[in-house]
Amino acid sequence: MKITRKEIAQIAGVSTATVSYVINGSNRVGEETRERVQRIINEYNYRPDLIARAMSTRSTKQIALLINDLFNNFFAEIVTEFENTAAQQDYCVSICTGSRDISKYLDSFITRRMDGVLCMVSPTRIDMQKLYALRQDDISVLVSGNLTTDRTKASMINLDYAQGMALLLEYLKGYGHRKIAYLSAFPRDVEFDDRLKAFLKYYDMFFPVDEKLLVTGTYPFPSTVDSGFEMTEQLIAQGRPFTAVVTTNDSMAIGCIEALQKHGLRVPEDVSVMGFDNIPIGKHVAVPLTTVGFDKHRFAEDAFAMLLRAMTTGELSEKLEPMYITERRSVALCPPQI
């Protein structure tokens, strides 16, 4: 038979408030009393009733994490790191993917009384106004991957892709590359992602006399191995010389390498390739990928801290995570003949 908090208090000869202090790790209880209460808790294998606690505290200790999918290594890593970070604070994370109707997810967050939501779904796949409206039901929102986030309604954490693109182009310039193509999953007019804009800006700074080589994506903006392969085919069909290719992410870079090799181009001897995000598979492909990445553990810690602050104090905040280059073998000196 399940023991109650009141029964633990009676056995220990303390108040129910004292039992609560012990369970919640409060320093308002003496060490001897704490040990006595904890022994009884352990002996009877007591577990707090989270539903009852939620009714009294208005906190369920539940967070939703909305992502595009789990097939992308980028999301898989972040899910793991974020879930581990949240667990350290006794929060349970529900993983929700874009394979389902996201609108129904948002409705369920209200009925399930989630404390907060970290949304990493592409803004083209979600009604942002409905997401913001969760605040009316005391559900805090943190958005990542959308620069157009309304900072008055949600916190925002993004990767500093502009800084990363500057690092990347300067890095390729150091290897002598001047004819650098960019395969962008997004068109020029997309506002929620700044990788293409950053490429154009810094390319003009580093190579002001060169014409830019671009292949841009169309809705729904896939950034997969397949789309990287297909866009490389389009690039080659243009018939214009290039010595390096940059892609929106590492998955596209892997597809790019496959397409280049299909056409008899060696990587990196003939063409250098770089991507973004430093996904784990990038170091295990036939040509290990040089990439611009970020600290996933730090990202998860910062994201949880921002969401926790919003849930407990209502404070909204924003942050850009720094990026850095991981060198492998997909970049080499620019071929002298070009």
Protein backbone atom coordinates (compact mmCIF):
# COMPACT_ATOMS: atom_id res chain seq x y z
CA MET A 1 0.00 0.00 0.00
CA LYS A 2 1.32 3.41 -0.99
CA ILE A 3 2.43 5.57 1.92
CA THR A 4 1.43 9.22 2.08
CA ARG A 5 3.42 12.27 3.03
CA LYS A 6 1.23 12.68 6.11
CA GLU A 7 2.00 9.11 7.25
CA ILE A 8 5.74 9.69 6.79
CA ALA A 9 5.44 12.78 9.00
CA GLN A 10 3.64 10.77 11.71
CA ILE A 11 6.25 8.00 11.67
CA ALA A 12 9.11 10.49 11.80
CA GLY A 13 7.41 12.65 14.43
CA VAL A 14 7.61 15.79 12.30
CA SER A 15 5.21 18.03 10.41
CA THR A 16 4.19 17.42 6.79
CA ALA A 17 5.95 20.69 5.96
CA THR A 18 9.21 19.23 7.26
CA VAL A 19 8.76 16.18 5.01
CA SER A 20 8.21 18.53 2.07
CA TYR A 21 11.40 20.42 2.94
CA VAL A 22 13.37 17.18 2.90
CA ILE A 23 11.87 16.04 -0.40
CA ASN A 24 12.58 19.42 -2.03
CA GLY A 25 16.14 19.65 -0.65
CA SER A 26 15.48 22.71 1.49
CA ASN A 27 18.14 23.80 4.00
CA ARG A 28 15.46 24.65 6.57
CA VAL A 29 15.77 21.20 8.17
CA GLY A 30 18.50 20.05 10.58
CA GLU A 31 20.78 17.23 9.46
CA GLU A 32 19.56 14.73 12.07
CA THR A 33 15.91 15.33 11.17
CA ARG A 34 16.71 15.17 7.47
CA GLU A 35 18.42 11.79 7.85
CA ARG A 36 15.53 10.40 9.90
CA VAL A 37 12.90 11.49 7.38
CA GLN A 38 15.00 10.33 4.43
CA ARG A 39 15.42 6.87 5.97
CA ILE A 40 11.64 6.49 6.16
CA ILE A 41 11.21 7.78 2.60
CA ASN A 42 13.73 5.22 1.37
CA GLU A 43 12.31 2.40 3.49
CA TYR A 44 8.79 2.86 2.12
CA ASN A 45 10.01 3.75 -1.41
CA TYR A 46 7.94 6.94 -1.31
CA ARG A 47 7.49 8.89 -4.55
CA PRO A 48 5.90 12.36 -4.57
CA ASP A 49 2.51 12.74 -6.26
CA LEU A 50 3.42 15.10 -9.07
CA ILE A 51 -0.20 15.76 -10.03
CA ALA A 52 -1.02 16.87 -6.51
CA ARG A 53 2.12 19.00 -6.42
CA ALA A 54 1.18 20.57 -9.74
CA MET A 55 -2.20 21.57 -8.36
CA SER A 56 -0.61 23.38 -5.44
CA THR A 57 2.45 24.84 -7.15
CA ARG A 58 1.03 25.37 -10.67
CA SER A 59 4.12 23.66 -12.04
CA THR A 60 4.08 20.21 -13.66
CA LYS A 61 7.87 20.06 -14.19
CA GLN A 62 7.14 19.12 -17.80
CA ILE A 63 8.71 20.69 -20.90
CA ALA A 64 7.97 20.05 -24.57
CA LEU A 65 10.73 20.04 -27.18
CA LEU A 66 9.45 20.59 -30.72
CA ILE A 67 11.84 19.55 -33.51
CA ASN A 68 11.59 18.91 -37.25
CA ASP A 69 12.58 15.25 -37.02
CA LEU A 70 14.91 12.79 -35.30
CA PHE A 71 16.51 11.54 -38.51
CA ASN A 72 18.72 14.62 -38.63
CA ASN A 73 21.78 14.12 -36.41
CA PHE A 74 21.68 17.84 -35.60
CA PHE A 75 18.43 17.46 -33.68
CA ALA A 76 19.30 14.07 -32.20
CA GLU A 77 22.35 15.50 -30.41
CA ILE A 78 20.52 18.52 -29.06
CA VAL A 79 17.60 16.40 -27.84
CA THR A 80 19.99 14.23 -25.83
CA GLU A 81 21.89 17.16 -24.32
CA PHE A 82 18.75 19.16 -23.52
CA GLU A 83 16.98 16.19 -21.95
CA ASN A 84 20.01 15.44 -19.75
CA THR A 85 20.25 19.06 -18.65
CA ALA A 86 16.54 19.26 -17.81
CA ALA A 87 16.65 15.98 -15.88
CA GLN A 88 19.24 17.47 -13.53
CA GLN A 89 16.53 19.91 -12.43
CA ASP A 90 13.86 17.16 -12.24
CA TYR A 91 12.11 18.28 -15.42
CA CYS A 92 10.60 15.71 -17.78
CA VAL A 93 10.98 16.47 -21.51
CA SER A 94 8.42 15.35 -24.09
CA ILE A 95 9.94 15.07 -27.59
CA CYS A 96 7.53 16.13 -30.33
CA THR A 97 8.46 15.93 -34.02
CA GLY A 98 7.11 17.75 -37.05
CA SER A 99 5.96 14.47 -38.55
CA ARG A 100 2.60 15.12 -36.85
CA ASP A 101 0.19 18.04 -36.99
CA ILE A 102 2.05 20.61 -34.90
CA SER A 103 -1.14 22.55 -34.22
CA LYS A 104 -2.50 19.54 -32.33
CA TYR A 105 0.69 19.41 -30.30
CA LEU A 106 0.20 23.02 -29.24
CA ASP A 107 -3.35 22.27 -28.13
CA SER A 108 -2.16 19.27 -26.12
CA PHE A 109 0.48 21.36 -24.33
CA ILE A 110 -2.34 23.34 -22.77
CA THR A 111 -4.40 20.33 -21.68
CA ARG A 112 -1.27 18.62 -20.34
CA ARG A 113 -0.27 21.81 -18.51
CA MET A 114 3.27 22.02 -19.80
CA ASP A 115 5.47 24.53 -18.03
CA GLY A 116 7.42 25.47 -21.13
CA VAL A 117 8.21 24.74 -24.77
CA LEU A 118 11.47 24.85 -26.70
CA CYS A 119 10.51 25.17 -30.37
CA MET A 120 13.15 24.24 -32.95
CA VAL A 121 10.67 23.54 -35.77
CA SER A 122 11.13 25.44 -39.02
CA PRO A 123 8.84 28.51 -38.90
CA THR A 124 7.35 27.46 -42.23
CA ARG A 125 5.81 24.46 -40.46
CA ILE A 126 4.22 26.13 -37.45
CA ASP A 127 1.72 28.88 -36.70
CA MET A 128 3.94 31.23 -34.71
CA GLN A 129 0.98 33.24 -33.39
CA LYS A 130 -0.54 30.09 -31.94
CA LEU A 131 2.83 29.26 -30.41
CA TYR A 132 3.07 32.71 -28.81
CA ALA A 133 -0.51 32.35 -27.50
CA LEU A 134 0.67 29.58 -25.16
CA ARG A 135 1.82 32.34 -22.81
CA GLN A 136 -1.84 33.10 -22.09
CA ASP A 137 -1.98 29.66 -20.45
CA ASP A 138 1.23 30.28 -18.45
CA ILE A 139 3.38 28.21 -20.82
CA SER A 140 6.73 29.85 -21.49
CA VAL A 141 8.19 29.66 -25.00
CA LEU A 142 11.79 29.56 -26.23
CA VAL A 143 12.39 29.61 -29.99
CA SER A 144 15.51 28.53 -31.87
CA GLY A 145 16.17 28.71 -35.61
CA ASN A 146 13.98 31.72 -36.33
CA LEU A 147 15.49 35.21 -36.39
CA THR A 148 12.03 36.78 -36.84
CA THR A 149 10.87 35.64 -33.39
CA ASP A 150 8.80 38.27 -31.57
CA ARG A 151 11.05 39.05 -28.59
CA THR A 152 8.10 40.48 -26.65
CA LYS A 153 6.35 37.10 -26.66
CA ALA A 154 9.11 34.50 -26.50
CA SER A 155 12.75 34.04 -25.61
CA MET A 156 15.11 33.29 -28.49
CA ILE A 157 18.35 31.32 -28.81
CA ASN A 158 20.10 30.96 -32.16
CA LEU A 159 23.42 29.90 -33.57
CA ASP A 160 25.55 32.82 -34.74
CA TYR A 161 25.58 31.72 -38.37
CA ALA A 162 26.76 35.16 -39.52
CA GLN A 163 29.89 34.86 -37.39
CA GLY A 164 30.29 31.25 -38.55
CA MET A 165 30.03 32.22 -42.23
CA ALA A 166 32.68 34.91 -41.78
CA LEU A 167 35.00 32.31 -40.20
CA LEU A 168 34.31 29.87 -43.01
CA LEU A 169 34.99 32.27 -45.89
CA GLU A 170 38.13 33.61 -44.23
CA TYR A 171 39.26 30.00 -43.74
CA LEU A 172 38.72 29.12 -47.41
CA LYS A 173 40.44 32.33 -48.48
CA GLY A 174 43.45 31.23 -46.45
CA TYR A 175 43.60 28.10 -48.61
CA GLY A 176 43.64 30.26 -51.75
CA HIS A 177 40.02 29.78 -52.80
CA ARG A 178 38.32 32.61 -54.68
CA LYS A 179 35.59 30.87 -56.68
CA ILE A 180 33.34 29.60 -53.90
CA ALA A 181 29.81 28.33 -54.55
CA TYR A 182 27.02 28.32 -51.99
CA LEU A 183 24.20 25.78 -51.94
CA SER A 184 21.47 27.43 -49.88
CA ALA A 185 18.42 25.51 -48.71
CA PHE A 186 16.68 28.89 -48.51
CA PRO A 187 15.99 31.60 -51.12
CA ARG A 188 17.28 35.15 -50.84
CA ASP A 189 14.05 36.57 -49.39
CA VAL A 190 13.86 34.25 -46.35
CA GLU A 191 14.07 36.30 -43.15
CA PHE A 192 14.23 33.62 -40.47
CA ASP A 193 17.70 32.35 -41.49
CA ASP A 194 20.74 34.55 -42.18
CA ARG A 195 23.26 32.12 -43.66
CA LEU A 196 22.70 33.23 -47.27
CA LYS A 197 22.72 36.92 -46.36
CA ALA A 198 25.93 36.42 -44.40
CA PHE A 199 27.51 34.57 -47.33
CA LEU A 200 26.70 37.45 -49.70
CA LYS A 201 27.90 40.07 -47.22
CA TYR A 202 31.23 38.48 -46.37
CA TYR A 203 31.89 37.27 -49.89
CA ASP A 204 31.73 40.91 -51.00
CA MET A 205 34.16 41.82 -48.23
CA PHE A 206 36.70 39.07 -48.97
CA PHE A 207 36.31 38.74 -52.76
CA PRO A 208 34.84 42.05 -54.03
CA VAL A 209 35.64 41.46 -57.72
CA ASP A 210 34.35 37.90 -58.06
CA GLU A 211 30.90 36.91 -59.25
CA LYS A 212 29.01 34.80 -56.74
CA LEU A 213 27.94 31.23 -57.52
CA LEU A 214 24.59 30.40 -55.92
CA VAL A 215 22.03 27.65 -56.00
CA THR A 216 19.00 28.34 -53.81
CA GLY A 217 16.23 26.07 -52.56
CA THR A 218 12.47 26.23 -52.82
CA TYR A 219 9.63 25.51 -50.43
CA PRO A 220 9.52 23.44 -48.20
CA PHE A 221 13.30 24.12 -48.11
CA PRO A 222 14.76 20.61 -47.61
CA SER A 223 18.33 20.56 -46.27
CA THR A 224 19.05 16.85 -46.61
CA VAL A 225 21.69 14.65 -48.21
CA ASP A 226 19.40 14.27 -51.23
CA SER A 227 18.87 18.02 -51.64
CA GLY A 228 22.63 18.59 -51.35
CA PHE A 229 23.19 16.05 -54.13
CA GLU A 230 20.51 17.57 -56.37
CA MET A 231 21.69 21.15 -55.87
CA THR A 232 25.27 20.14 -56.68
CA GLU A 233 24.01 18.68 -59.93
CA GLN A 234 22.41 22.06 -60.67
CA LEU A 235 25.67 23.84 -59.80
CA ILE A 236 27.71 21.65 -62.14
CA ALA A 237 25.14 22.12 -64.91
CA GLN A 238 25.80 25.88 -64.81
CA GLY A 239 29.19 25.17 -66.35
CA ARG A 240 30.98 27.85 -64.32
CA PRO A 241 34.28 27.06 -62.58
CA PHE A 242 34.43 26.72 -58.79
CA THR A 243 37.05 25.43 -56.38
CA ALA A 244 35.02 25.20 -53.17
CA VAL A 245 31.41 24.59 -52.17
CA VAL A 246 29.67 25.72 -48.98
CA THR A 247 26.32 24.23 -47.96
CA THR A 248 23.57 25.19 -45.50
CA ASN A 249 24.39 22.20 -43.29
CA ASP A 250 26.52 19.07 -43.08
CA SER A 251 23.83 16.75 -44.46
CA MET A 252 23.79 18.77 -47.67
CA ALA A 253 27.60 18.77 -47.73
CA ILE A 254 27.63 14.96 -47.63
CA GLY A 255 25.26 14.86 -50.61
CA CYS A 256 27.41 17.47 -52.36
CA ILE A 257 30.53 15.32 -52.01
CA GLU A 258 28.69 12.33 -53.47
CA ALA A 259 27.55 14.35 -56.50
CA LEU A 260 31.01 15.80 -57.09
CA GLN A 261 32.56 12.34 -57.03
CA LYS A 262 29.91 11.07 -59.44
CA HIS A 263 31.17 13.66 -61.93
CA GLY A 264 34.80 12.64 -61.44
CA LEU A 265 35.75 15.54 -59.17
CA ARG A 266 37.97 14.66 -56.23
CA VAL A 267 37.35 16.10 -52.77
CA PRO A 268 39.41 17.96 -51.65
CA GLU A 269 42.02 17.77 -54.45
CA ASP A 270 39.73 19.33 -57.10
CA VAL A 271 36.98 20.86 -54.96
CA SER A 272 36.89 21.67 -51.24
CA VAL A 273 33.59 21.29 -49.34
CA MET A 274 32.37 22.74 -46.05
CA GLY A 275 29.08 22.57 -44.18
CA PHE A 276 27.57 23.77 -40.91
CA ASP A 277 26.59 22.20 -37.56
CA ASN A 278 29.32 19.53 -37.10
CA ILE A 279 26.98 16.53 -36.95
CA PRO A 280 28.60 13.25 -35.75
CA ILE A 281 28.30 11.41 -39.07
CA GLY A 282 30.44 14.12 -40.71
CA LYS A 283 33.64 12.62 -39.35
CA HIS A 284 32.79 9.10 -40.55
CA VAL A 285 31.96 9.69 -44.22
CA ALA A 286 34.38 8.76 -47.02
CA VAL A 287 35.87 12.26 -46.93
CA PRO A 288 35.66 13.46 -43.29
CA LEU A 289 33.97 16.84 -43.34
CA THR A 290 35.53 20.14 -42.35
CA THR A 291 32.65 22.10 -40.84
CA VAL A 292 31.51 25.05 -38.77
CA GLY A 293 29.98 23.79 -35.54
CA PHE A 294 29.04 24.75 -32.02
CA ASP A 295 29.13 23.35 -28.50
CA LYS A 296 25.95 21.25 -28.24
CA HIS A 297 26.28 20.83 -24.48
CA ARG A 298 26.64 24.56 -23.94
CA PHE A 299 23.69 25.22 -26.26
CA ALA A 300 21.50 22.82 -24.28
CA GLU A 301 22.55 24.31 -20.94
CA ASP A 302 21.94 27.87 -22.14
CA ALA A 303 18.59 26.94 -23.69
CA PHE A 304 17.36 25.24 -20.54
CA ALA A 305 18.57 28.11 -18.33
CA MET A 306 16.72 30.65 -20.51
CA LEU A 307 13.53 28.59 -20.52
CA LEU A 308 13.75 27.97 -16.78
CA ARG A 309 14.16 31.70 -16.17
CA ALA A 310 11.10 32.41 -18.28
CA MET A 311 9.08 29.72 -16.47
CA THR A 312 10.02 30.85 -12.97
CA THR A 313 10.32 34.62 -13.32
CA GLY A 314 8.61 35.48 -16.62
CA GLU A 315 11.83 37.07 -17.92
CA LEU A 316 12.35 36.87 -21.68
CA SER A 317 15.87 36.86 -23.09
CA GLU A 318 17.84 36.20 -26.26
CA LYS A 319 21.23 34.73 -27.04
CA LEU A 320 23.49 33.91 -30.00
CA GLU A 321 25.70 30.84 -29.59
CA PRO A 322 29.25 31.19 -31.00
CA MET A 323 30.50 28.90 -33.76
CA TYR A 324 33.93 27.48 -34.57
CA ILE A 325 35.65 25.48 -37.31
CA THR A 326 36.40 21.77 -36.95
CA GLU A 327 39.11 20.76 -39.42
CA ARG A 328 39.05 17.38 -41.09
CA ARG A 329 39.90 16.43 -44.67
CA SER A 330 37.39 18.00 -47.04
CA VAL A 331 39.38 21.24 -47.54
CA ALA A 332 42.73 21.59 -49.32
CA LEU A 333 44.74 24.27 -51.11
CA CYS A 334 43.05 25.73 -54.14
CA PRO A 335 44.10 23.87 -57.33
CA PRO A 336 46.68 26.04 -59.17
CA GLN A 337 45.06 25.61 -62.59
CA ILE A 338 41.91 27.54 -61.65
